Amino acid sequence: MSSAPDTSPSDDILRLRVTAKDPETLRALLRDTRPDVGGRPHVEEDGRIGIDVYVPADRIPALEREGVTVTMTGNASEAGRAAQAEVGSGDRFAPADAVPRGLAAKLSG
């Protein structure tokens, strides 16, 4: 059995913007649903308060309630997979003569 995580889209973590009519409503929502949050709450121009949260799609209905707007702003899992695709798979120090180079002091020992 592989230890790799399941990367099916149904298990993806979504980035959502949750905006509440007032701080009390947002606090109650966060206390009740306990989502992973990204950053601190901020006040919108219209006086509503919002925060970014990260949840799987099946938890979105728990966030939707009176006085709260939920907007999907991205797919964090998809962004992570795209970033991982940019990373090389080889060992850049594999050859015996490949010595790391840089500005650090070379210590004997």
N, C-alpha and C. Protein backbone atom coordinates (compact mmCIF):
# COMPACT_ATOMS: atom_id res chain seq x y z
N MET A 1 0.84 -1.18 0.00
CA MET A 1 0.00 0.00 0.00
C MET A 1 0.88 1.24 0.00
N SER A 2 0.55 2.19 -0.82
CA SER A 2 1.33 3.42 -0.95
C SER A 2 1.02 4.37 0.19
N SER A 3 2.03 5.11 0.62
CA SER A 3 1.81 6.11 1.66
C SER A 3 1.49 7.48 1.06
N ALA A 4 1.43 7.56 -0.28
CA ALA A 4 1.12 8.82 -0.94
C ALA A 4 -0.32 9.21 -0.66
N PRO A 5 -0.57 10.49 -0.42
CA PRO A 5 -1.94 10.92 -0.15
C PRO A 5 -2.80 10.82 -1.41
N ASP A 6 -4.09 10.61 -1.20
CA ASP A 6 -5.04 10.58 -2.31
C ASP A 6 -5.16 11.99 -2.87
N THR A 7 -4.97 12.14 -4.17
CA THR A 7 -4.99 13.46 -4.78
C THR A 7 -6.22 13.67 -5.64
N SER A 8 -7.28 12.93 -5.36
CA SER A 8 -8.50 13.12 -6.15
C SER A 8 -9.12 14.47 -5.82
N PRO A 9 -9.71 15.14 -6.82
CA PRO A 9 -10.27 16.47 -6.60
C PRO A 9 -11.32 16.53 -5.49
N SER A 10 -12.01 15.43 -5.21
CA SER A 10 -13.03 15.46 -4.15
C SER A 10 -12.41 15.64 -2.77
N ASP A 11 -11.13 15.32 -2.64
CA ASP A 11 -10.45 15.48 -1.35
C ASP A 11 -9.63 16.77 -1.29
N ASP A 12 -9.70 17.58 -2.32
CA ASP A 12 -8.91 18.80 -2.36
C ASP A 12 -9.31 19.76 -1.25
N ILE A 13 -8.33 20.52 -0.79
CA ILE A 13 -8.56 21.58 0.18
C ILE A 13 -8.79 22.87 -0.61
N LEU A 14 -9.91 23.50 -0.36
CA LEU A 14 -10.29 24.72 -1.08
C LEU A 14 -10.00 25.95 -0.23
N ARG A 15 -9.62 27.03 -0.90
CA ARG A 15 -9.43 28.31 -0.22
C ARG A 15 -10.71 29.11 -0.41
N LEU A 16 -11.30 29.52 0.70
CA LEU A 16 -12.57 30.26 0.66
C LEU A 16 -12.42 31.59 1.37
N ARG A 17 -13.17 32.57 0.91
CA ARG A 17 -13.28 33.85 1.61
C ARG A 17 -14.62 33.81 2.34
N VAL A 18 -14.58 33.88 3.66
CA VAL A 18 -15.79 33.90 4.47
C VAL A 18 -15.96 35.32 4.98
N THR A 19 -17.10 35.92 4.65
CA THR A 19 -17.38 37.30 5.06
C THR A 19 -18.67 37.31 5.89
N ALA A 20 -18.58 37.87 7.09
CA ALA A 20 -19.73 37.91 7.99
C ALA A 20 -20.20 39.35 8.18
N LYS A 21 -21.46 39.48 8.60
CA LYS A 21 -22.04 40.81 8.77
C LYS A 21 -21.43 41.57 9.94
N ASP A 22 -20.89 40.83 10.93
CA ASP A 22 -20.28 41.48 12.09
C ASP A 22 -19.31 40.52 12.77
N PRO A 23 -18.45 41.04 13.65
CA PRO A 23 -17.45 40.17 14.31
C PRO A 23 -18.06 39.03 15.13
N GLU A 24 -19.20 39.26 15.76
CA GLU A 24 -19.82 38.21 16.57
C GLU A 24 -20.23 37.03 15.70
N THR A 25 -20.79 37.32 14.53
CA THR A 25 -21.21 36.25 13.62
C THR A 25 -20.00 35.46 13.14
N LEU A 26 -18.91 36.15 12.83
CA LEU A 26 -17.70 35.46 12.38
C LEU A 26 -17.11 34.62 13.50
N ARG A 27 -17.06 35.16 14.72
CA ARG A 27 -16.54 34.40 15.85
C ARG A 27 -17.36 33.13 16.09
N ALA A 28 -18.68 33.25 16.02
CA ALA A 28 -19.55 32.08 16.22
C ALA A 28 -19.31 31.04 15.13
N LEU A 29 -19.15 31.49 13.90
CA LEU A 29 -18.90 30.56 12.79
C LEU A 29 -17.58 29.82 12.99
N LEU A 30 -16.53 30.55 13.32
CA LEU A 30 -15.22 29.94 13.52
C LEU A 30 -15.21 29.00 14.72
N ARG A 31 -15.93 29.38 15.78
CA ARG A 31 -16.01 28.54 16.97
C ARG A 31 -16.77 27.24 16.67
N ASP A 32 -17.86 27.35 15.90
CA ASP A 32 -18.69 26.18 15.61
C ASP A 32 -18.06 25.23 14.60
N THR A 33 -17.42 25.76 13.55
CA THR A 33 -16.92 24.93 12.46
C THR A 33 -15.44 24.61 12.55
N ARG A 34 -14.66 25.44 13.24
CA ARG A 34 -13.22 25.26 13.46
C ARG A 34 -12.45 24.95 12.17
N PRO A 35 -12.58 25.81 11.15
CA PRO A 35 -11.81 25.59 9.92
C PRO A 35 -10.36 26.04 10.09
N ASP A 36 -9.49 25.62 9.18
CA ASP A 36 -8.13 26.15 9.15
C ASP A 36 -8.23 27.55 8.57
N VAL A 37 -7.66 28.53 9.25
CA VAL A 37 -7.75 29.91 8.77
C VAL A 37 -6.40 30.35 8.21
N GLY A 38 -6.47 31.27 7.26
CA GLY A 38 -5.27 31.80 6.64
C GLY A 38 -5.16 33.29 6.93
N GLY A 39 -4.40 33.63 7.93
CA GLY A 39 -4.23 35.04 8.26
C GLY A 39 -5.22 35.52 9.30
N ARG A 40 -5.34 36.84 9.36
CA ARG A 40 -6.20 37.47 10.36
C ARG A 40 -7.45 38.02 9.69
N PRO A 41 -8.51 38.18 10.45
CA PRO A 41 -9.71 38.81 9.88
C PRO A 41 -9.42 40.25 9.47
N HIS A 42 -10.14 40.72 8.49
CA HIS A 42 -10.00 42.12 8.07
C HIS A 42 -11.37 42.69 7.76
N VAL A 43 -11.49 43.99 7.94
CA VAL A 43 -12.76 44.68 7.73
C VAL A 43 -12.86 45.10 6.27
N GLU A 44 -13.98 44.74 5.64
CA GLU A 44 -14.25 45.12 4.25
C GLU A 44 -14.69 46.59 4.21
N GLU A 45 -14.74 47.15 3.02
CA GLU A 45 -15.15 48.56 2.87
C GLU A 45 -16.58 48.80 3.36
N ASP A 46 -17.44 47.78 3.23
CA ASP A 46 -18.84 47.95 3.64
C ASP A 46 -19.07 47.66 5.12
N GLY A 47 -17.99 47.43 5.89
CA GLY A 47 -18.10 47.20 7.32
C GLY A 47 -18.20 45.73 7.70
N ARG A 48 -18.38 44.86 6.72
CA ARG A 48 -18.41 43.43 7.02
C ARG A 48 -16.99 42.96 7.31
N ILE A 49 -16.86 41.81 7.97
CA ILE A 49 -15.55 41.30 8.36
C ILE A 49 -15.32 39.95 7.69
N GLY A 50 -14.12 39.77 7.13
CA GLY A 50 -13.83 38.55 6.38
C GLY A 50 -12.53 37.92 6.77
N ILE A 51 -12.40 36.65 6.41
CA ILE A 51 -11.18 35.88 6.67
C ILE A 51 -11.10 34.77 5.63
N ASP A 52 -9.88 34.35 5.31
CA ASP A 52 -9.68 33.22 4.40
C ASP A 52 -9.66 31.94 5.24
N VAL A 53 -10.35 30.91 4.74
CA VAL A 53 -10.35 29.61 5.41
C VAL A 53 -10.03 28.53 4.39
N TYR A 54 -9.53 27.41 4.88
CA TYR A 54 -9.16 26.27 4.04
C TYR A 54 -9.91 25.04 4.52
N VAL A 55 -10.79 24.50 3.67
CA VAL A 55 -11.59 23.34 4.03
C VAL A 55 -11.82 22.46 2.80
N PRO A 56 -12.11 21.16 3.00
CA PRO A 56 -12.53 20.33 1.88
C PRO A 56 -13.96 20.71 1.46
N ALA A 57 -14.32 20.38 0.25
CA ALA A 57 -15.63 20.77 -0.30
C ALA A 57 -16.80 20.30 0.54
N ASP A 58 -16.69 19.14 1.17
CA ASP A 58 -17.83 18.62 1.94
C ASP A 58 -18.10 19.41 3.22
N ARG A 59 -17.19 20.31 3.61
CA ARG A 59 -17.41 21.14 4.81
C ARG A 59 -17.97 22.52 4.49
N ILE A 60 -18.11 22.85 3.21
CA ILE A 60 -18.63 24.16 2.83
C ILE A 60 -20.04 24.39 3.37
N PRO A 61 -20.96 23.42 3.28
CA PRO A 61 -22.32 23.67 3.81
C PRO A 61 -22.35 24.09 5.28
N ALA A 62 -21.40 23.62 6.08
CA ALA A 62 -21.34 23.99 7.50
C ALA A 62 -21.00 25.46 7.68
N LEU A 63 -20.32 26.05 6.68
CA LEU A 63 -19.94 27.46 6.77
C LEU A 63 -21.06 28.40 6.34
N GLU A 64 -21.97 27.88 5.54
CA GLU A 64 -23.04 28.73 5.00
C GLU A 64 -24.16 28.88 6.02
N ARG A 65 -24.42 30.12 6.38
CA ARG A 65 -25.49 30.42 7.34
C ARG A 65 -25.92 31.86 7.15
N GLU A 66 -26.96 32.26 7.83
CA GLU A 66 -27.48 33.63 7.70
C GLU A 66 -26.43 34.63 8.16
N GLY A 67 -26.24 35.68 7.37
CA GLY A 67 -25.29 36.72 7.70
C GLY A 67 -23.87 36.44 7.26
N VAL A 68 -23.66 35.30 6.54
CA VAL A 68 -22.33 34.91 6.11
C VAL A 68 -22.33 34.66 4.61
N THR A 69 -21.31 35.18 3.93
CA THR A 69 -21.10 34.92 2.51
C THR A 69 -19.85 34.09 2.36
N VAL A 70 -19.95 33.00 1.59
CA VAL A 70 -18.81 32.11 1.35
C VAL A 70 -18.49 32.15 -0.13
N THR A 71 -17.24 32.51 -0.47
CA THR A 71 -16.81 32.61 -1.86
C THR A 71 -15.55 31.79 -2.05
N MET A 72 -15.54 30.89 -3.03
CA MET A 72 -14.33 30.12 -3.30
C MET A 72 -13.34 31.01 -4.04
N THR A 73 -12.12 31.08 -3.54
CA THR A 73 -11.08 31.91 -4.17
C THR A 73 -9.97 31.07 -4.79
N GLY A 74 -9.95 29.78 -4.52
CA GLY A 74 -8.92 28.94 -5.12
C GLY A 74 -8.94 27.53 -4.58
N ASN A 75 -8.12 26.69 -5.21
CA ASN A 75 -7.96 25.31 -4.79
C ASN A 75 -6.53 25.16 -4.29
N ALA A 76 -6.36 25.12 -2.98
CA ALA A 76 -5.03 25.07 -2.40
C ALA A 76 -4.31 23.77 -2.75
N SER A 77 -5.02 22.68 -2.85
CA SER A 77 -4.39 21.40 -3.21
C SER A 77 -3.87 21.44 -4.63
N GLU A 78 -4.66 21.99 -5.53
CA GLU A 78 -4.24 22.11 -6.93
C GLU A 78 -3.00 23.00 -7.05
N ALA A 79 -2.99 24.11 -6.32
CA ALA A 79 -1.83 25.00 -6.33
C ALA A 79 -0.59 24.29 -5.79
N GLY A 80 -0.76 23.47 -4.77
CA GLY A 80 0.35 22.70 -4.22
C GLY A 80 0.88 21.68 -5.21
N ARG A 81 -0.02 20.99 -5.91
CA ARG A 81 0.42 20.02 -6.91
C ARG A 81 1.17 20.72 -8.04
N ALA A 82 0.71 21.90 -8.45
CA ALA A 82 1.40 22.65 -9.51
C ALA A 82 2.79 23.06 -9.06
N ALA A 83 2.93 23.48 -7.81
CA ALA A 83 4.25 23.87 -7.29
C ALA A 83 5.17 22.67 -7.19
N GLN A 84 4.64 21.51 -6.79
CA GLN A 84 5.45 20.31 -6.69
C GLN A 84 5.94 19.86 -8.06
N ALA A 85 5.15 20.10 -9.10
CA ALA A 85 5.53 19.71 -10.45
C ALA A 85 6.75 20.51 -10.94
N GLU A 86 6.98 21.68 -10.35
CA GLU A 86 8.10 22.52 -10.75
C GLU A 86 9.42 22.08 -10.11
N VAL A 87 9.36 21.23 -9.11
CA VAL A 87 10.55 20.80 -8.40
C VAL A 87 11.17 19.61 -9.13
N GLY A 88 12.48 19.65 -9.30
CA GLY A 88 13.18 18.55 -9.96
C GLY A 88 13.12 17.28 -9.15
N SER A 89 13.31 16.16 -9.82
CA SER A 89 13.23 14.88 -9.12
C SER A 89 14.59 14.24 -8.88
N GLY A 90 15.62 14.77 -9.50
CA GLY A 90 16.94 14.19 -9.35
C GLY A 90 17.68 14.68 -8.12
N ASP A 91 18.82 14.08 -7.85
CA ASP A 91 19.67 14.50 -6.74
C ASP A 91 20.81 15.32 -7.33
N ARG A 92 20.79 16.60 -7.12
CA ARG A 92 21.80 17.45 -7.75
C ARG A 92 23.19 17.25 -7.18
N PHE A 93 23.33 16.57 -6.07
CA PHE A 93 24.63 16.29 -5.48
C PHE A 93 25.03 14.83 -5.67
N ALA A 94 24.34 14.10 -6.54
CA ALA A 94 24.60 12.68 -6.72
C ALA A 94 26.01 12.37 -7.24
N PRO A 95 26.51 13.03 -8.26
CA PRO A 95 27.87 12.69 -8.72
C PRO A 95 28.89 12.94 -7.62
N ALA A 96 29.91 12.07 -7.57
CA ALA A 96 30.92 12.16 -6.53
C ALA A 96 31.68 13.48 -6.58
N ASP A 97 31.80 14.06 -7.76
CA ASP A 97 32.57 15.30 -7.88
C ASP A 97 31.71 16.55 -7.72
N ALA A 98 30.44 16.37 -7.43
CA ALA A 98 29.55 17.52 -7.27
C ALA A 98 29.65 18.05 -5.84
N VAL A 99 30.37 19.12 -5.69
CA VAL A 99 30.54 19.74 -4.38
C VAL A 99 29.68 20.99 -4.34
N PRO A 100 28.88 21.16 -3.31
CA PRO A 100 28.07 22.38 -3.23
C PRO A 100 28.96 23.61 -3.28
N ARG A 101 28.55 24.61 -4.01
CA ARG A 101 29.30 25.84 -4.15
C ARG A 101 28.45 27.01 -3.64
N GLY A 102 29.07 28.04 -3.17
CA GLY A 102 28.32 29.18 -2.69
C GLY A 102 29.22 30.13 -1.95
N LEU A 103 28.62 31.05 -1.22
CA LEU A 103 29.37 32.09 -0.53
C LEU A 103 29.73 31.73 0.91
N ALA A 104 29.30 30.59 1.39
CA ALA A 104 29.57 30.20 2.77
C ALA A 104 31.05 29.87 2.98
N ALA A 105 31.49 29.98 4.20
CA ALA A 105 32.87 29.64 4.54
C ALA A 105 33.04 28.12 4.52
N LYS A 106 34.12 27.65 3.94
CA LYS A 106 34.40 26.23 3.89
C LYS A 106 35.15 25.85 5.18
N LEU A 107 34.54 24.97 5.95
CA LEU A 107 35.12 24.58 7.24
C LEU A 107 35.88 23.27 7.08
N SER A 108 36.99 23.17 7.74
CA SER A 108 37.73 21.90 7.70
C SER A 108 37.22 21.01 8.82
N GLY A 109 37.35 19.72 8.64
CA GLY A 109 36.94 18.90 9.75
C GLY A 109 36.59 17.58 9.36
